Amino acid sequence: MLENEAFEAEKVAIERMVALGYRIYSVQEHLEGASVVWEHPDHPGEMKEQHVGTASGRKWFVHFLIRQLQEQRGA
């Protein structure tokens, strides 16, 4: 799969999680990308893990992570 196609698939998956109301619970960076664990605030303990392998995909979920942290701080 081309890098751009891989990123588009990751982007859609990340946006789907956000649209469903999931919040980023944790991120583990590793050599093959990052593992993002999502949690739904209405269902504590319900976790979903997503692998993000492209650099653009990692930048994309960080965009949502920054927004999430700003909301938590009331900015």
PDB file of N, CA and C in Angstrom:
ATOM      1  N   MET A   1       0.855  -1.172   0.000  1.00  0.00           N
ATOM      2  CA  MET A   1       0.000   0.000   0.000  1.00  0.00           C
ATOM      3  C   MET A   1       0.902   1.236   0.000  1.00  0.00           C
ATOM      4  N   LEU A   2       0.548   2.202  -0.799  1.00  0.00           N
ATOM      5  CA  LEU A   2       1.301   3.434  -0.858  1.00  0.00           C
ATOM      6  C   LEU A   2       1.143   4.208   0.445  1.00  0.00           C
ATOM      7  N   GLU A   3       2.147   5.011   0.768  1.00  0.00           N
ATOM      8  CA  GLU A   3       2.123   5.812   2.002  1.00  0.00           C
ATOM      9  C   GLU A   3       0.870   6.676   2.083  1.00  0.00           C
ATOM     10  N   ASN A   4       0.503   7.310   0.977  1.00  0.00           N
ATOM     11  CA  ASN A   4      -0.674   8.178   0.971  1.00  0.00           C
ATOM     12  C   ASN A   4      -1.951   7.382   1.215  1.00  0.00           C
ATOM     13  N   GLU A   5      -2.055   6.204   0.621  1.00  0.00           N
ATOM     14  CA  GLU A   5      -3.232   5.363   0.844  1.00  0.00           C
ATOM     15  C   GLU A   5      -3.301   4.890   2.294  1.00  0.00           C
ATOM     16  N   ALA A   6      -2.138   4.544   2.841  1.00  0.00           N
ATOM     17  CA  ALA A   6      -2.086   4.100   4.233  1.00  0.00           C
ATOM     18  C   ALA A   6      -2.523   5.234   5.160  1.00  0.00           C
ATOM     19  N   PHE A   7      -2.046   6.448   4.885  1.00  0.00           N
ATOM     20  CA  PHE A   7      -2.440   7.592   5.705  1.00  0.00           C
ATOM     21  C   PHE A   7      -3.937   7.851   5.598  1.00  0.00           C
ATOM     22  N   GLU A   8      -4.489   7.798   4.404  1.00  0.00           N
ATOM     23  CA  GLU A   8      -5.921   8.051   4.235  1.00  0.00           C
ATOM     24  C   GLU A   8      -6.753   7.046   5.043  1.00  0.00           C
ATOM     25  N   ALA A   9      -6.331   5.795   5.049  1.00  0.00           N
ATOM     26  CA  ALA A   9      -7.042   4.774   5.824  1.00  0.00           C
ATOM     27  C   ALA A   9      -6.939   5.067   7.324  1.00  0.00           C
ATOM     28  N   GLU A  10      -5.747   5.462   7.779  1.00  0.00           N
ATOM     29  CA  GLU A  10      -5.570   5.797   9.190  1.00  0.00           C
ATOM     30  C   GLU A  10      -6.386   7.030   9.569  1.00  0.00           C
ATOM     31  N   LYS A  11      -6.389   8.020   8.685  1.00  0.00           N
ATOM     32  CA  LYS A  11      -7.135   9.262   8.931  1.00  0.00           C
ATOM     33  C   LYS A  11      -8.622   8.970   9.117  1.00  0.00           C
ATOM     34  N   VAL A  12      -9.177   8.153   8.229  1.00  0.00           N
ATOM     35  CA  VAL A  12     -10.597   7.790   8.324  1.00  0.00           C
ATOM     36  C   VAL A  12     -10.867   7.055   9.644  1.00  0.00           C
ATOM     37  N   ALA A  13      -9.990   6.141  10.017  1.00  0.00           N
ATOM     38  CA  ALA A  13     -10.174   5.371  11.249  1.00  0.00           C
ATOM     39  C   ALA A  13     -10.090   6.272  12.486  1.00  0.00           C
ATOM     40  N   ILE A  14      -9.156   7.217  12.486  1.00  0.00           N
ATOM     41  CA  ILE A  14      -9.013   8.153  13.609  1.00  0.00           C
ATOM     42  C   ILE A  14     -10.256   9.028  13.702  1.00  0.00           C
ATOM     43  N   GLU A  15     -10.686   9.569  12.586  1.00  0.00           N
ATOM     44  CA  GLU A  15     -11.864  10.441  12.577  1.00  0.00           C
ATOM     45  C   GLU A  15     -13.127   9.686  12.991  1.00  0.00           C
ATOM     46  N   ARG A  16     -13.197   8.411  12.643  1.00  0.00           N
ATOM     47  CA  ARG A  16     -14.346   7.594  13.051  1.00  0.00           C
ATOM     48  C   ARG A  16     -14.385   7.463  14.569  1.00  0.00           C
ATOM     49  N   MET A  17     -13.232   7.223  15.177  1.00  0.00           N
ATOM     50  CA  MET A  17     -13.188   7.094  16.638  1.00  0.00           C
ATOM     51  C   MET A  17     -13.625   8.396  17.305  1.00  0.00           C
ATOM     52  N   VAL A  18     -13.152   9.513  16.793  1.00  0.00           N
ATOM     53  CA  VAL A  18     -13.535  10.815  17.349  1.00  0.00           C
ATOM     54  C   VAL A  18     -15.033  11.044  17.163  1.00  0.00           C
ATOM     55  N   ALA A  19     -15.555  10.726  15.982  1.00  0.00           N
ATOM     56  CA  ALA A  19     -16.983  10.923  15.701  1.00  0.00           C
ATOM     57  C   ALA A  19     -17.864  10.062  16.602  1.00  0.00           C
ATOM     58  N   LEU A  20     -17.362   8.897  16.989  1.00  0.00           N
ATOM     59  CA  LEU A  20     -18.112   8.006  17.874  1.00  0.00           C
ATOM     60  C   LEU A  20     -18.016   8.426  19.344  1.00  0.00           C
ATOM     61  N   GLY A  21     -17.214   9.466  19.607  1.00  0.00           N
ATOM     62  CA  GLY A  21     -17.117   9.993  20.964  1.00  0.00           C
ATOM     63  C   GLY A  21     -15.959   9.462  21.785  1.00  0.00           C
ATOM     64  N   TYR A  22     -15.090   8.672  21.191  1.00  0.00           N
ATOM     65  CA  TYR A  22     -13.943   8.143  21.919  1.00  0.00           C
ATOM     66  C   TYR A  22     -12.910   9.234  22.173  1.00  0.00           C
ATOM     67  N   ARG A  23     -12.185   9.090  23.265  1.00  0.00           N
ATOM     68  CA  ARG A  23     -11.114  10.017  23.637  1.00  0.00           C
ATOM     69  C   ARG A  23      -9.816   9.226  23.719  1.00  0.00           C
ATOM     70  N   ILE A  24      -8.729   9.893  23.434  1.00  0.00           N
ATOM     71  CA  ILE A  24      -7.422   9.225  23.508  1.00  0.00           C
ATOM     72  C   ILE A  24      -7.088   9.003  24.982  1.00  0.00           C
ATOM     73  N   TYR A  25      -6.840   7.742  25.312  1.00  0.00           N
ATOM     74  CA  TYR A  25      -6.531   7.352  26.686  1.00  0.00           C
ATOM     75  C   TYR A  25      -5.022   7.277  26.891  1.00  0.00           C
ATOM     76  N   SER A  26      -4.325   6.667  25.916  1.00  0.00           N
ATOM     77  CA  SER A  26      -2.870   6.570  26.012  1.00  0.00           C
ATOM     78  C   SER A  26      -2.270   6.377  24.629  1.00  0.00           C
ATOM     79  N   VAL A  27      -0.987   6.706  24.538  1.00  0.00           N
ATOM     80  CA  VAL A  27      -0.235   6.548  23.294  1.00  0.00           C
ATOM     81  C   VAL A  27       1.098   5.907  23.635  1.00  0.00           C
ATOM     82  N   GLN A  28       1.451   4.878  22.903  1.00  0.00           N
ATOM     83  CA  GLN A  28       2.747   4.217  23.057  1.00  0.00           C
ATOM     84  C   GLN A  28       3.465   4.277  21.716  1.00  0.00           C
ATOM     85  N   GLU A  29       4.525   5.060  21.650  1.00  0.00           N
ATOM     86  CA  GLU A  29       5.321   5.148  20.426  1.00  0.00           C
ATOM     87  C   GLU A  29       6.280   3.961  20.366  1.00  0.00           C
ATOM     88  N   HIS A  30       6.520   3.455  19.163  1.00  0.00           N
ATOM     89  CA  HIS A  30       7.470   2.374  18.956  1.00  0.00           C
ATOM     90  C   HIS A  30       8.051   2.497  17.554  1.00  0.00           C
ATOM     91  N   LEU A  31       8.927   1.621  17.181  1.00  0.00           N
ATOM     92  CA  LEU A  31       9.633   1.726  15.902  1.00  0.00           C
ATOM     93  C   LEU A  31       8.713   1.615  14.692  1.00  0.00           C
ATOM     94  N   GLU A  32       7.584   0.949  14.825  1.00  0.00           N
ATOM     95  CA  GLU A  32       6.664   0.771  13.705  1.00  0.00           C
ATOM     96  C   GLU A  32       5.533   1.798  13.704  1.00  0.00           C
ATOM     97  N   GLY A  33       5.626   2.825  14.528  1.00  0.00           N
ATOM     98  CA  GLY A  33       4.587   3.846  14.578  1.00  0.00           C
ATOM     99  C   GLY A  33       4.144   4.108  16.000  1.00  0.00           C
ATOM    100  N   ALA A  34       2.836   4.020  16.229  1.00  0.00           N
ATOM    101  CA  ALA A  34       2.290   4.279  17.558  1.00  0.00           C
ATOM    102  C   ALA A  34       1.057   3.409  17.777  1.00  0.00           C
ATOM    103  N   SER A  35       0.853   3.048  19.023  1.00  0.00           N
ATOM    104  CA  SER A  35      -0.365   2.359  19.428  1.00  0.00           C
ATOM    105  C   SER A  35      -1.190   3.361  20.229  1.00  0.00           C
ATOM    106  N   VAL A  36      -2.372   3.656  19.734  1.00  0.00           N
ATOM    107  CA  VAL A  36      -3.265   4.608  20.388  1.00  0.00           C
ATOM    108  C   VAL A  36      -4.389   3.816  21.036  1.00  0.00           C
ATOM    109  N   VAL A  37      -4.598   4.054  22.316  1.00  0.00           N
ATOM    110  CA  VAL A  37      -5.690   3.408  23.037  1.00  0.00           C
ATOM    111  C   VAL A  37      -6.768   4.466  23.250  1.00  0.00           C
ATOM    112  N   TRP A  38      -7.970   4.127  22.812  1.00  0.00           N
ATOM    113  CA  TRP A  38      -9.124   5.013  22.905  1.00  0.00           C
ATOM    114  C   TRP A  38     -10.065   4.496  23.981  1.00  0.00           C
ATOM    115  N   GLU A  39     -10.727   5.422  24.687  1.00  0.00           N
ATOM    116  CA  GLU A  39     -11.726   5.058  25.682  1.00  0.00           C
ATOM    117  C   GLU A  39     -12.961   5.923  25.459  1.00  0.00           C
ATOM    118  N   HIS A  40     -14.121   5.308  25.605  1.00  0.00           N
ATOM    119  CA  HIS A  40     -15.360   6.060  25.460  1.00  0.00           C
ATOM    120  C   HIS A  40     -15.783   6.560  26.844  1.00  0.00           C
ATOM    121  N   PRO A  41     -16.020   7.874  26.991  1.00  0.00           N
ATOM    122  CA  PRO A  41     -16.358   8.415  28.320  1.00  0.00           C
ATOM    123  C   PRO A  41     -17.667   7.875  28.894  1.00  0.00           C
ATOM    124  N   ASP A  42     -18.586   7.450  28.054  1.00  0.00           N
ATOM    125  CA  ASP A  42     -19.848   6.901  28.545  1.00  0.00           C
ATOM    126  C   ASP A  42     -19.748   5.429  28.934  1.00  0.00           C
ATOM    127  N   HIS A  43     -18.644   4.792  28.555  1.00  0.00           N
ATOM    128  CA  HIS A  43     -18.441   3.373  28.839  1.00  0.00           C
ATOM    129  C   HIS A  43     -17.041   3.170  29.421  1.00  0.00           C
ATOM    130  N   PRO A  44     -16.825   3.594  30.680  1.00  0.00           N
ATOM    131  CA  PRO A  44     -15.499   3.450  31.283  1.00  0.00           C
ATOM    132  C   PRO A  44     -15.002   2.004  31.198  1.00  0.00           C
ATOM    133  N   GLY A  45     -13.770   1.875  30.847  1.00  0.00           N
ATOM    134  CA  GLY A  45     -13.172   0.550  30.726  1.00  0.00           C
ATOM    135  C   GLY A  45     -13.288  -0.046  29.336  1.00  0.00           C
ATOM    136  N   GLU A  46     -14.116   0.552  28.491  1.00  0.00           N
ATOM    137  CA  GLU A  46     -14.233   0.075  27.109  1.00  0.00           C
ATOM    138  C   GLU A  46     -13.113   0.721  26.294  1.00  0.00           C
ATOM    139  N   MET A  47     -12.090  -0.066  26.020  1.00  0.00           N
ATOM    140  CA  MET A  47     -10.907   0.434  25.320  1.00  0.00           C
ATOM    141  C   MET A  47     -10.825  -0.174  23.930  1.00  0.00           C
ATOM    142  N   LYS A  48     -10.342   0.625  22.998  1.00  0.00           N
ATOM    143  CA  LYS A  48     -10.074   0.139  21.648  1.00  0.00           C
ATOM    144  C   LYS A  48      -8.667   0.593  21.291  1.00  0.00           C
ATOM    145  N   GLU A  49      -7.876  -0.332  20.759  1.00  0.00           N
ATOM    146  CA  GLU A  49      -6.498  -0.006  20.392  1.00  0.00           C
ATOM    147  C   GLU A  49      -6.391   0.111  18.879  1.00  0.00           C
ATOM    148  N   GLN A  50      -5.633   1.091  18.449  1.00  0.00           N
ATOM    149  CA  GLN A  50      -5.452   1.359  17.031  1.00  0.00           C
ATOM    150  C   GLN A  50      -3.957   1.535  16.752  1.00  0.00           C
ATOM    151  N   HIS A  51      -3.475   0.888  15.709  1.00  0.00           N
ATOM    152  CA  HIS A  51      -2.094   1.071  15.280  1.00  0.00           C
ATOM    153  C   HIS A  51      -2.046   2.165  14.224  1.00  0.00           C
ATOM    154  N   VAL A  52      -1.151   3.123  14.414  1.00  0.00           N
ATOM    155  CA  VAL A  52      -0.944   4.203  13.458  1.00  0.00           C
ATOM    156  C   VAL A  52       0.518   4.118  13.020  1.00  0.00           C
ATOM    157  N   GLY A  53       0.727   3.802  11.746  1.00  0.00           N
ATOM    158  CA  GLY A  53       2.077   3.542  11.271  1.00  0.00           C
ATOM    159  C   GLY A  53       2.719   4.647  10.455  1.00  0.00           C
ATOM    160  N   THR A  54       1.929   5.544   9.908  1.00  0.00           N
ATOM    161  CA  THR A  54       2.514   6.592   9.065  1.00  0.00           C
ATOM    162  C   THR A  54       2.815   7.836   9.899  1.00  0.00           C
ATOM    163  N   ALA A  55       3.802   8.592   9.450  1.00  0.00           N
ATOM    164  CA  ALA A  55       4.146   9.848  10.123  1.00  0.00           C
ATOM    165  C   ALA A  55       2.966  10.813  10.056  1.00  0.00           C
ATOM    166  N   SER A  56       2.306  10.874   8.918  1.00  0.00           N
ATOM    167  CA  SER A  56       1.151  11.763   8.772  1.00  0.00           C
ATOM    168  C   SER A  56       0.001  11.327   9.681  1.00  0.00           C
ATOM    169  N   GLY A  57      -0.176  10.034   9.838  1.00  0.00           N
ATOM    170  CA  GLY A  57      -1.202   9.517  10.735  1.00  0.00           C
ATOM    171  C   GLY A  57      -0.923   9.885  12.179  1.00  0.00           C
ATOM    172  N   ARG A  58       0.354   9.822  12.575  1.00  0.00           N
ATOM    173  CA  ARG A  58       0.721  10.206  13.939  1.00  0.00           C
ATOM    174  C   ARG A  58       0.466  11.695  14.150  1.00  0.00           C
ATOM    175  N   LYS A  59       0.788  12.507  13.165  1.00  0.00           N
ATOM    176  CA  LYS A  59       0.503  13.945  13.274  1.00  0.00           C
ATOM    177  C   LYS A  59      -1.000  14.179  13.388  1.00  0.00           C
ATOM    178  N   TRP A  60      -1.782  13.383  12.667  1.00  0.00           N
ATOM    179  CA  TRP A  60      -3.229  13.575  12.659  1.00  0.00           C
ATOM    180  C   TRP A  60      -3.845  13.274  14.016  1.00  0.00           C
ATOM    181  N   PHE A  61      -3.443  12.161  14.663  1.00  0.00           N
ATOM    182  CA  PHE A  61      -4.045  11.881  15.961  1.00  0.00           C
ATOM    183  C   PHE A  61      -3.542  12.854  17.021  1.00  0.00           C
ATOM    184  N   VAL A  62      -2.321  13.375  16.856  1.00  0.00           N
ATOM    185  CA  VAL A  62      -1.813  14.371  17.808  1.00  0.00           C
ATOM    186  C   VAL A  62      -2.653  15.648  17.734  1.00  0.00           C
ATOM    187  N   HIS A  63      -3.126  15.983  16.545  1.00  0.00           N
ATOM    188  CA  HIS A  63      -4.025  17.125  16.390  1.00  0.00           C
ATOM    189  C   HIS A  63      -5.238  16.966  17.315  1.00  0.00           C
ATOM    190  N   PHE A  64      -5.829  15.790  17.331  1.00  0.00           N
ATOM    191  CA  PHE A  64      -6.986  15.534  18.183  1.00  0.00           C
ATOM    192  C   PHE A  64      -6.588  15.456  19.660  1.00  0.00           C
ATOM    193  N   LEU A  65      -5.399  14.946  19.935  1.00  0.00           N
ATOM    194  CA  LEU A  65      -4.924  14.877  21.316  1.00  0.00           C
ATOM    195  C   LEU A  65      -4.733  16.284  21.881  1.00  0.00           C
ATOM    196  N   ILE A  66      -4.152  17.172  21.110  1.00  0.00           N
ATOM    197  CA  ILE A  66      -3.956  18.554  21.567  1.00  0.00           C
ATOM    198  C   ILE A  66      -5.302  19.209  21.831  1.00  0.00           C
ATOM    199  N   ARG A  67      -6.241  19.026  20.927  1.00  0.00           N
ATOM    200  CA  ARG A  67      -7.577  19.596  21.103  1.00  0.00           C
ATOM    201  C   ARG A  67      -8.242  19.033  22.358  1.00  0.00           C
ATOM    202  N   GLN A  68      -8.077  17.726  22.587  1.00  0.00           N
ATOM    203  CA  GLN A  68      -8.649  17.080  23.757  1.00  0.00           C
ATOM    204  C   GLN A  68      -8.041  17.675  25.037  1.00  0.00           C
ATOM    205  N   LEU A  69      -6.738  17.866  25.051  1.00  0.00           N
ATOM    206  CA  LEU A  69      -6.073  18.431  26.246  1.00  0.00           C
ATOM    207  C   LEU A  69      -6.495  19.876  26.475  1.00  0.00           C
ATOM    208  N   GLN A  70      -6.678  20.638  25.407  1.00  0.00           N
ATOM    209  CA  GLN A  70      -7.139  22.017  25.544  1.00  0.00           C
ATOM    210  C   GLN A  70      -8.550  22.055  26.127  1.00  0.00           C
ATOM    211  N   GLU A  71      -9.403  21.150  25.718  1.00  0.00           N
ATOM    212  CA  GLU A  71     -10.766  21.082  26.256  1.00  0.00           C
ATOM    213  C   GLU A  71     -10.737  20.748  27.747  1.00  0.00           C
ATOM    214  N   GLN A  72      -9.827  19.847  28.144  1.00  0.00           N
ATOM    215  CA  GLN A  72      -9.731  19.452  29.536  1.00  0.00           C
ATOM    216  C   GLN A  72      -9.252  20.618  30.397  1.00  0.00           C
ATOM    217  N   ARG A  73      -8.410  21.466  29.838  1.00  0.00           N
ATOM    218  CA  ARG A  73      -7.894  22.624  30.582  1.00  0.00           C
ATOM    219  C   ARG A  73      -8.833  23.818  30.507  1.00  0.00           C
ATOM    220  N   GLY A  74      -9.868  23.717  29.692  1.00  0.00           N
ATOM    221  CA  GLY A  74     -10.824  24.793  29.577  1.00  0.00           C
ATOM    222  C   GLY A  74     -10.355  25.933  28.704  1.00  0.00           C
ATOM    223  N   ALA A  75      -9.412  25.634  27.786  1.00  0.00           N
ATOM    224  CA  ALA A  75      -8.883  26.699  26.908  1.00  0.00           C
ATOM    225  C   ALA A  75      -9.817  26.983  25.765  1.00  0.00           C
TER     226      ALA A  75
END
